[in-house]
Amino acid sequence: MRTLKTGITVMLILVAAAAFAWKAGDRVLGQWSDGYWYPAKIASQAGAIFKVTYDDGDVADLAPDKIRRVDWKVGTVVECNWKNGGAYYPGKITVMKGEVIHISYNDGDQEDATISRCRAR
């Protein structure tokens, strides 16, 4: 029982720390209702809820567990909006310089883009 209480306490501390780790303007990945993680920015905070603005203009109120740092790098599997045409296709980031990336799609196509056109599971 003591181990369970300790585990719960540690989890609460981690969630509380995460709740105060973000500030307005921070670049993050926010989890949308479809389960994908999309690039966004923290707009504001009210208690433990963060208002995020996604790169496509959508806005959502998210709990801290629905926000994470932008952890994409070369080799990250993503789905990107091919030529900004509205359809997402799976691929991998093969070059990354800041937010500018090169994507090698699973079907062999390639494209230069920015992370704002991509999402990840």
N, C-alpha and C. Protein backbone atom coordinates (compact mmCIF):
# COMPACT_ATOMS: atom_id res chain seq x y z
N MET A 1 0.83 -1.19 0.00
CA MET A 1 0.00 0.00 0.00
C MET A 1 0.87 1.25 0.00
N ARG A 2 1.97 1.19 0.75
CA ARG A 2 2.86 2.34 0.82
C ARG A 2 3.48 2.63 -0.55
N THR A 3 3.84 1.58 -1.27
CA THR A 3 4.41 1.74 -2.60
C THR A 3 3.41 2.40 -3.54
N LEU A 4 2.15 2.01 -3.44
CA LEU A 4 1.10 2.59 -4.27
C LEU A 4 0.96 4.08 -3.97
N LYS A 5 0.94 4.45 -2.69
CA LYS A 5 0.82 5.86 -2.31
C LYS A 5 2.01 6.66 -2.81
N THR A 6 3.20 6.09 -2.71
CA THR A 6 4.40 6.77 -3.19
C THR A 6 4.32 6.97 -4.70
N GLY A 7 3.88 5.94 -5.41
CA GLY A 7 3.74 6.04 -6.86
C GLY A 7 2.75 7.10 -7.27
N ILE A 8 1.63 7.15 -6.58
CA ILE A 8 0.61 8.16 -6.88
C ILE A 8 1.14 9.56 -6.59
N THR A 9 1.86 9.71 -5.48
CA THR A 9 2.43 11.01 -5.13
C THR A 9 3.41 11.47 -6.20
N VAL A 10 4.27 10.57 -6.66
CA VAL A 10 5.24 10.91 -7.70
C VAL A 10 4.52 11.33 -8.97
N MET A 11 3.49 10.59 -9.36
CA MET A 11 2.72 10.94 -10.55
C MET A 11 2.09 12.33 -10.43
N LEU A 12 1.52 12.62 -9.28
CA LEU A 12 0.91 13.94 -9.07
C LEU A 12 1.94 15.05 -9.16
N ILE A 13 3.12 14.82 -8.64
CA ILE A 13 4.18 15.82 -8.71
C ILE A 13 4.60 16.03 -10.15
N LEU A 14 4.72 14.94 -10.91
CA LEU A 14 5.12 15.06 -12.32
C LEU A 14 4.07 15.81 -13.13
N VAL A 15 2.80 15.51 -12.89
CA VAL A 15 1.72 16.21 -13.61
C VAL A 15 1.71 17.68 -13.23
N ALA A 16 1.89 17.97 -11.95
CA ALA A 16 1.91 19.36 -11.50
C ALA A 16 3.09 20.10 -12.11
N ALA A 17 4.25 19.45 -12.15
CA ALA A 17 5.43 20.09 -12.75
C ALA A 17 5.19 20.37 -14.23
N ALA A 18 4.58 19.41 -14.92
CA ALA A 18 4.29 19.60 -16.35
C ALA A 18 3.31 20.74 -16.55
N ALA A 19 2.37 20.88 -15.63
CA ALA A 19 1.35 21.92 -15.76
C ALA A 19 1.96 23.32 -15.72
N PHE A 20 3.09 23.44 -15.07
CA PHE A 20 3.70 24.76 -14.96
C PHE A 20 4.99 24.87 -15.77
N ALA A 21 5.24 23.90 -16.61
CA ALA A 21 6.46 23.90 -17.41
C ALA A 21 6.31 24.73 -18.68
N TRP A 22 5.09 25.02 -19.10
CA TRP A 22 4.86 25.73 -20.36
C TRP A 22 4.49 27.17 -20.09
N LYS A 23 4.85 28.03 -21.04
CA LYS A 23 4.44 29.44 -20.94
C LYS A 23 3.99 29.91 -22.32
N ALA A 24 3.26 30.99 -22.34
CA ALA A 24 2.75 31.53 -23.61
C ALA A 24 3.90 31.72 -24.60
N GLY A 25 3.67 31.28 -25.83
CA GLY A 25 4.67 31.39 -26.88
C GLY A 25 5.51 30.15 -27.08
N ASP A 26 5.48 29.21 -26.12
CA ASP A 26 6.28 27.99 -26.25
C ASP A 26 5.80 27.16 -27.43
N ARG A 27 6.73 26.62 -28.18
CA ARG A 27 6.44 25.74 -29.31
C ARG A 27 6.29 24.33 -28.77
N VAL A 28 5.17 23.69 -29.09
CA VAL A 28 4.85 22.36 -28.56
C VAL A 28 4.17 21.50 -29.62
N LEU A 29 3.95 20.26 -29.25
CA LEU A 29 3.04 19.39 -29.98
C LEU A 29 1.81 19.22 -29.11
N GLY A 30 0.65 19.42 -29.69
CA GLY A 30 -0.60 19.25 -28.97
C GLY A 30 -1.39 18.09 -29.55
N GLN A 31 -1.97 17.28 -28.67
CA GLN A 31 -2.74 16.13 -29.16
C GLN A 31 -4.17 16.56 -29.46
N TRP A 32 -4.55 16.41 -30.72
CA TRP A 32 -5.89 16.75 -31.18
C TRP A 32 -6.82 15.59 -30.87
N SER A 33 -8.11 15.78 -31.01
CA SER A 33 -9.11 14.75 -30.69
C SER A 33 -8.99 13.50 -31.56
N ASP A 34 -8.27 13.58 -32.70
CA ASP A 34 -8.09 12.40 -33.55
C ASP A 34 -6.93 11.53 -33.07
N GLY A 35 -6.26 11.93 -31.98
CA GLY A 35 -5.17 11.15 -31.42
C GLY A 35 -3.80 11.52 -31.96
N TYR A 36 -3.74 12.32 -33.01
CA TYR A 36 -2.46 12.74 -33.58
C TYR A 36 -1.91 13.93 -32.82
N TRP A 37 -0.58 14.07 -32.87
CA TRP A 37 0.13 15.20 -32.29
C TRP A 37 0.49 16.18 -33.41
N TYR A 38 0.07 17.43 -33.26
CA TYR A 38 0.28 18.46 -34.26
C TYR A 38 1.10 19.61 -33.67
N PRO A 39 1.93 20.27 -34.48
CA PRO A 39 2.66 21.45 -34.01
C PRO A 39 1.70 22.57 -33.60
N ALA A 40 2.05 23.23 -32.50
CA ALA A 40 1.20 24.29 -31.95
C ALA A 40 2.06 25.22 -31.10
N LYS A 41 1.42 26.28 -30.61
CA LYS A 41 2.05 27.19 -29.65
C LYS A 41 1.12 27.36 -28.47
N ILE A 42 1.70 27.50 -27.29
CA ILE A 42 0.92 27.82 -26.11
C ILE A 42 0.45 29.26 -26.24
N ALA A 43 -0.86 29.47 -26.13
CA ALA A 43 -1.42 30.82 -26.21
C ALA A 43 -1.60 31.41 -24.81
N SER A 44 -2.12 30.59 -23.88
CA SER A 44 -2.35 31.07 -22.53
C SER A 44 -2.59 29.88 -21.61
N GLN A 45 -2.70 30.18 -20.32
CA GLN A 45 -2.95 29.15 -19.32
C GLN A 45 -4.00 29.65 -18.35
N ALA A 46 -4.94 28.76 -18.00
CA ALA A 46 -5.93 29.05 -16.96
C ALA A 46 -5.94 27.86 -16.02
N GLY A 47 -5.31 28.01 -14.87
CA GLY A 47 -5.16 26.88 -13.96
C GLY A 47 -4.24 25.85 -14.58
N ALA A 48 -4.72 24.60 -14.66
CA ALA A 48 -3.92 23.54 -15.26
C ALA A 48 -4.28 23.29 -16.72
N ILE A 49 -5.08 24.16 -17.31
CA ILE A 49 -5.49 24.00 -18.71
C ILE A 49 -4.78 25.04 -19.57
N PHE A 50 -4.27 24.56 -20.70
CA PHE A 50 -3.54 25.42 -21.63
C PHE A 50 -4.34 25.61 -22.91
N LYS A 51 -4.42 26.84 -23.35
CA LYS A 51 -5.01 27.13 -24.67
C LYS A 51 -3.86 27.07 -25.65
N VAL A 52 -4.00 26.20 -26.66
CA VAL A 52 -2.97 26.10 -27.69
C VAL A 52 -3.56 26.49 -29.03
N THR A 53 -2.72 27.11 -29.84
CA THR A 53 -3.10 27.46 -31.20
C THR A 53 -2.27 26.58 -32.13
N TYR A 54 -2.95 25.73 -32.88
CA TYR A 54 -2.28 24.86 -33.83
C TYR A 54 -1.85 25.66 -35.05
N ASP A 55 -0.87 25.14 -35.76
CA ASP A 55 -0.34 25.85 -36.92
C ASP A 55 -1.38 26.08 -38.00
N ASP A 56 -2.41 25.23 -38.05
CA ASP A 56 -3.46 25.42 -39.07
C ASP A 56 -4.53 26.41 -38.63
N GLY A 57 -4.36 26.98 -37.41
CA GLY A 57 -5.29 27.98 -36.92
C GLY A 57 -6.31 27.47 -35.92
N ASP A 58 -6.47 26.16 -35.82
CA ASP A 58 -7.38 25.61 -34.81
C ASP A 58 -6.88 25.94 -33.41
N VAL A 59 -7.80 26.04 -32.47
CA VAL A 59 -7.48 26.35 -31.08
C VAL A 59 -8.12 25.29 -30.21
N ALA A 60 -7.42 24.90 -29.14
CA ALA A 60 -7.97 23.91 -28.22
C ALA A 60 -7.49 24.20 -26.80
N ASP A 61 -8.30 23.79 -25.84
CA ASP A 61 -7.92 23.83 -24.43
C ASP A 61 -7.45 22.43 -24.06
N LEU A 62 -6.18 22.32 -23.62
CA LEU A 62 -5.59 21.00 -23.37
C LEU A 62 -5.05 20.88 -21.96
N ALA A 63 -5.21 19.68 -21.41
CA ALA A 63 -4.58 19.33 -20.14
C ALA A 63 -3.09 19.09 -20.40
N PRO A 64 -2.26 19.18 -19.38
CA PRO A 64 -0.82 19.00 -19.57
C PRO A 64 -0.42 17.68 -20.23
N ASP A 65 -1.19 16.62 -20.01
CA ASP A 65 -0.82 15.33 -20.60
C ASP A 65 -1.11 15.28 -22.10
N LYS A 66 -1.71 16.31 -22.65
CA LYS A 66 -1.99 16.39 -24.09
C LYS A 66 -1.02 17.34 -24.79
N ILE A 67 0.04 17.74 -24.07
CA ILE A 67 1.04 18.64 -24.60
C ILE A 67 2.41 18.02 -24.36
N ARG A 68 3.27 18.13 -25.36
CA ARG A 68 4.65 17.68 -25.18
C ARG A 68 5.58 18.57 -26.01
N ARG A 69 6.83 18.48 -25.70
CA ARG A 69 7.81 19.28 -26.45
C ARG A 69 7.91 18.74 -27.88
N VAL A 70 8.37 19.56 -28.78
CA VAL A 70 8.58 19.12 -30.16
C VAL A 70 9.83 18.23 -30.13
N ASP A 71 9.59 16.93 -30.20
CA ASP A 71 10.68 15.97 -30.07
C ASP A 71 11.02 15.29 -31.39
N TRP A 72 10.55 15.84 -32.49
CA TRP A 72 10.83 15.26 -33.79
C TRP A 72 12.28 15.49 -34.16
N LYS A 73 12.84 14.50 -34.88
CA LYS A 73 14.22 14.57 -35.33
C LYS A 73 14.36 13.71 -36.58
N VAL A 74 15.54 13.67 -37.15
CA VAL A 74 15.79 12.80 -38.30
C VAL A 74 15.45 11.37 -37.89
N GLY A 75 14.63 10.71 -38.71
CA GLY A 75 14.19 9.35 -38.42
C GLY A 75 12.80 9.25 -37.82
N THR A 76 12.24 10.38 -37.37
CA THR A 76 10.89 10.35 -36.80
C THR A 76 9.88 10.02 -37.89
N VAL A 77 8.98 9.09 -37.57
CA VAL A 77 7.90 8.72 -38.48
C VAL A 77 6.78 9.74 -38.32
N VAL A 78 6.36 10.33 -39.43
CA VAL A 78 5.32 11.35 -39.43
C VAL A 78 4.35 11.09 -40.57
N GLU A 79 3.27 11.81 -40.57
CA GLU A 79 2.37 11.89 -41.72
C GLU A 79 2.33 13.36 -42.09
N CYS A 80 2.57 13.65 -43.36
CA CYS A 80 2.62 15.05 -43.78
C CYS A 80 1.62 15.32 -44.89
N ASN A 81 1.19 16.55 -44.92
CA ASN A 81 0.22 17.06 -45.88
C ASN A 81 0.96 17.29 -47.21
N TRP A 82 0.92 16.29 -48.09
CA TRP A 82 1.67 16.31 -49.35
C TRP A 82 1.33 17.55 -50.17
N LYS A 83 2.33 18.34 -50.45
CA LYS A 83 2.21 19.56 -51.27
C LYS A 83 1.09 20.49 -50.78
N ASN A 84 0.77 20.36 -49.49
CA ASN A 84 -0.26 21.17 -48.84
C ASN A 84 -1.63 21.00 -49.52
N GLY A 85 -1.86 19.79 -50.05
CA GLY A 85 -3.11 19.51 -50.76
C GLY A 85 -4.23 18.96 -49.91
N GLY A 86 -3.99 18.77 -48.62
CA GLY A 86 -5.05 18.32 -47.73
C GLY A 86 -5.03 16.84 -47.40
N ALA A 87 -4.20 16.05 -48.07
CA ALA A 87 -4.11 14.61 -47.80
C ALA A 87 -2.78 14.30 -47.12
N TYR A 88 -2.86 13.57 -46.01
CA TYR A 88 -1.67 13.19 -45.26
C TYR A 88 -1.17 11.83 -45.70
N TYR A 89 0.16 11.72 -45.85
CA TYR A 89 0.79 10.46 -46.25
C TYR A 89 1.93 10.15 -45.29
N PRO A 90 2.16 8.86 -45.02
CA PRO A 90 3.21 8.47 -44.07
C PRO A 90 4.60 8.57 -44.69
N GLY A 91 5.53 8.94 -43.84
CA GLY A 91 6.92 9.01 -44.25
C GLY A 91 7.82 9.21 -43.05
N LYS A 92 9.07 9.58 -43.33
CA LYS A 92 10.07 9.78 -42.29
C LYS A 92 10.79 11.09 -42.54
N ILE A 93 11.16 11.76 -41.47
CA ILE A 93 11.98 12.96 -41.58
C ILE A 93 13.41 12.49 -41.88
N THR A 94 13.98 12.98 -42.99
CA THR A 94 15.34 12.58 -43.37
C THR A 94 16.36 13.70 -43.18
N VAL A 95 15.89 14.94 -43.15
CA VAL A 95 16.74 16.10 -42.87
C VAL A 95 15.91 17.06 -42.04
N MET A 96 16.54 17.66 -41.03
CA MET A 96 15.81 18.63 -40.21
C MET A 96 16.75 19.75 -39.81
N LYS A 97 16.36 20.98 -40.17
CA LYS A 97 17.10 22.18 -39.77
C LYS A 97 16.09 23.12 -39.16
N GLY A 98 16.04 23.15 -37.85
CA GLY A 98 15.00 23.91 -37.16
C GLY A 98 13.65 23.29 -37.48
N GLU A 99 12.75 24.08 -38.04
CA GLU A 99 11.43 23.56 -38.39
C GLU A 99 11.31 23.21 -39.87
N VAL A 100 12.39 23.37 -40.61
CA VAL A 100 12.40 22.99 -42.03
C VAL A 100 12.86 21.54 -42.11
N ILE A 101 12.08 20.73 -42.82
CA ILE A 101 12.38 19.30 -42.89
C ILE A 101 12.33 18.80 -44.33
N HIS A 102 12.96 17.67 -44.53
CA HIS A 102 12.84 16.91 -45.78
C HIS A 102 12.17 15.61 -45.39
N ILE A 103 11.13 15.24 -46.14
CA ILE A 103 10.36 14.03 -45.85
C ILE A 103 10.56 13.03 -46.97
N SER A 104 10.86 11.81 -46.60
CA SER A 104 10.87 10.70 -47.56
C SER A 104 9.61 9.90 -47.27
N TYR A 105 8.67 9.96 -48.20
CA TYR A 105 7.40 9.25 -48.02
C TYR A 105 7.57 7.76 -48.28
N ASN A 106 6.71 6.97 -47.68
CA ASN A 106 6.77 5.51 -47.82
C ASN A 106 6.61 5.05 -49.26
N ASP A 107 5.93 5.86 -50.10
CA ASP A 107 5.73 5.46 -51.50
C ASP A 107 6.89 5.88 -52.40
N GLY A 108 7.95 6.46 -51.81
CA GLY A 108 9.12 6.86 -52.59
C GLY A 108 9.18 8.34 -52.92
N ASP A 109 8.07 9.06 -52.83
CA ASP A 109 8.09 10.50 -53.07
C ASP A 109 8.87 11.20 -51.96
N GLN A 110 9.36 12.39 -52.27
CA GLN A 110 10.09 13.19 -51.30
C GLN A 110 9.64 14.63 -51.42
N GLU A 111 9.85 15.37 -50.34
CA GLU A 111 9.42 16.77 -50.36
C GLU A 111 10.10 17.52 -49.23
N ASP A 112 10.37 18.81 -49.49
CA ASP A 112 10.81 19.73 -48.45
C ASP A 112 9.57 20.44 -47.92
N ALA A 113 9.51 20.62 -46.63
CA ALA A 113 8.35 21.24 -46.00
C ALA A 113 8.77 21.82 -44.65
N THR A 114 7.79 22.18 -43.86
CA THR A 114 8.03 22.57 -42.47
C THR A 114 7.22 21.63 -41.58
N ILE A 115 7.57 21.60 -40.30
CA ILE A 115 6.86 20.70 -39.40
C ILE A 115 5.38 21.05 -39.30
N SER A 116 5.02 22.28 -39.64
CA SER A 116 3.63 22.71 -39.51
C SER A 116 2.69 21.93 -40.43
N ARG A 117 3.23 21.22 -41.42
CA ARG A 117 2.40 20.44 -42.34
C ARG A 117 2.36 18.96 -41.96
N CYS A 118 2.86 18.64 -40.77
CA CYS A 118 2.96 17.23 -40.38
C CYS A 118 2.26 16.94 -39.07
N ARG A 119 2.08 15.66 -38.81
CA ARG A 119 1.50 15.18 -37.56
C ARG A 119 2.16 13.83 -37.26
N ALA A 120 2.02 13.37 -36.01
CA ALA A 120 2.60 12.08 -35.63
C ALA A 120 1.69 11.38 -34.63
N ARG A 121 1.82 10.08 -34.55
CA ARG A 121 1.05 9.29 -33.57
C ARG A 121 1.70 9.33 -32.24
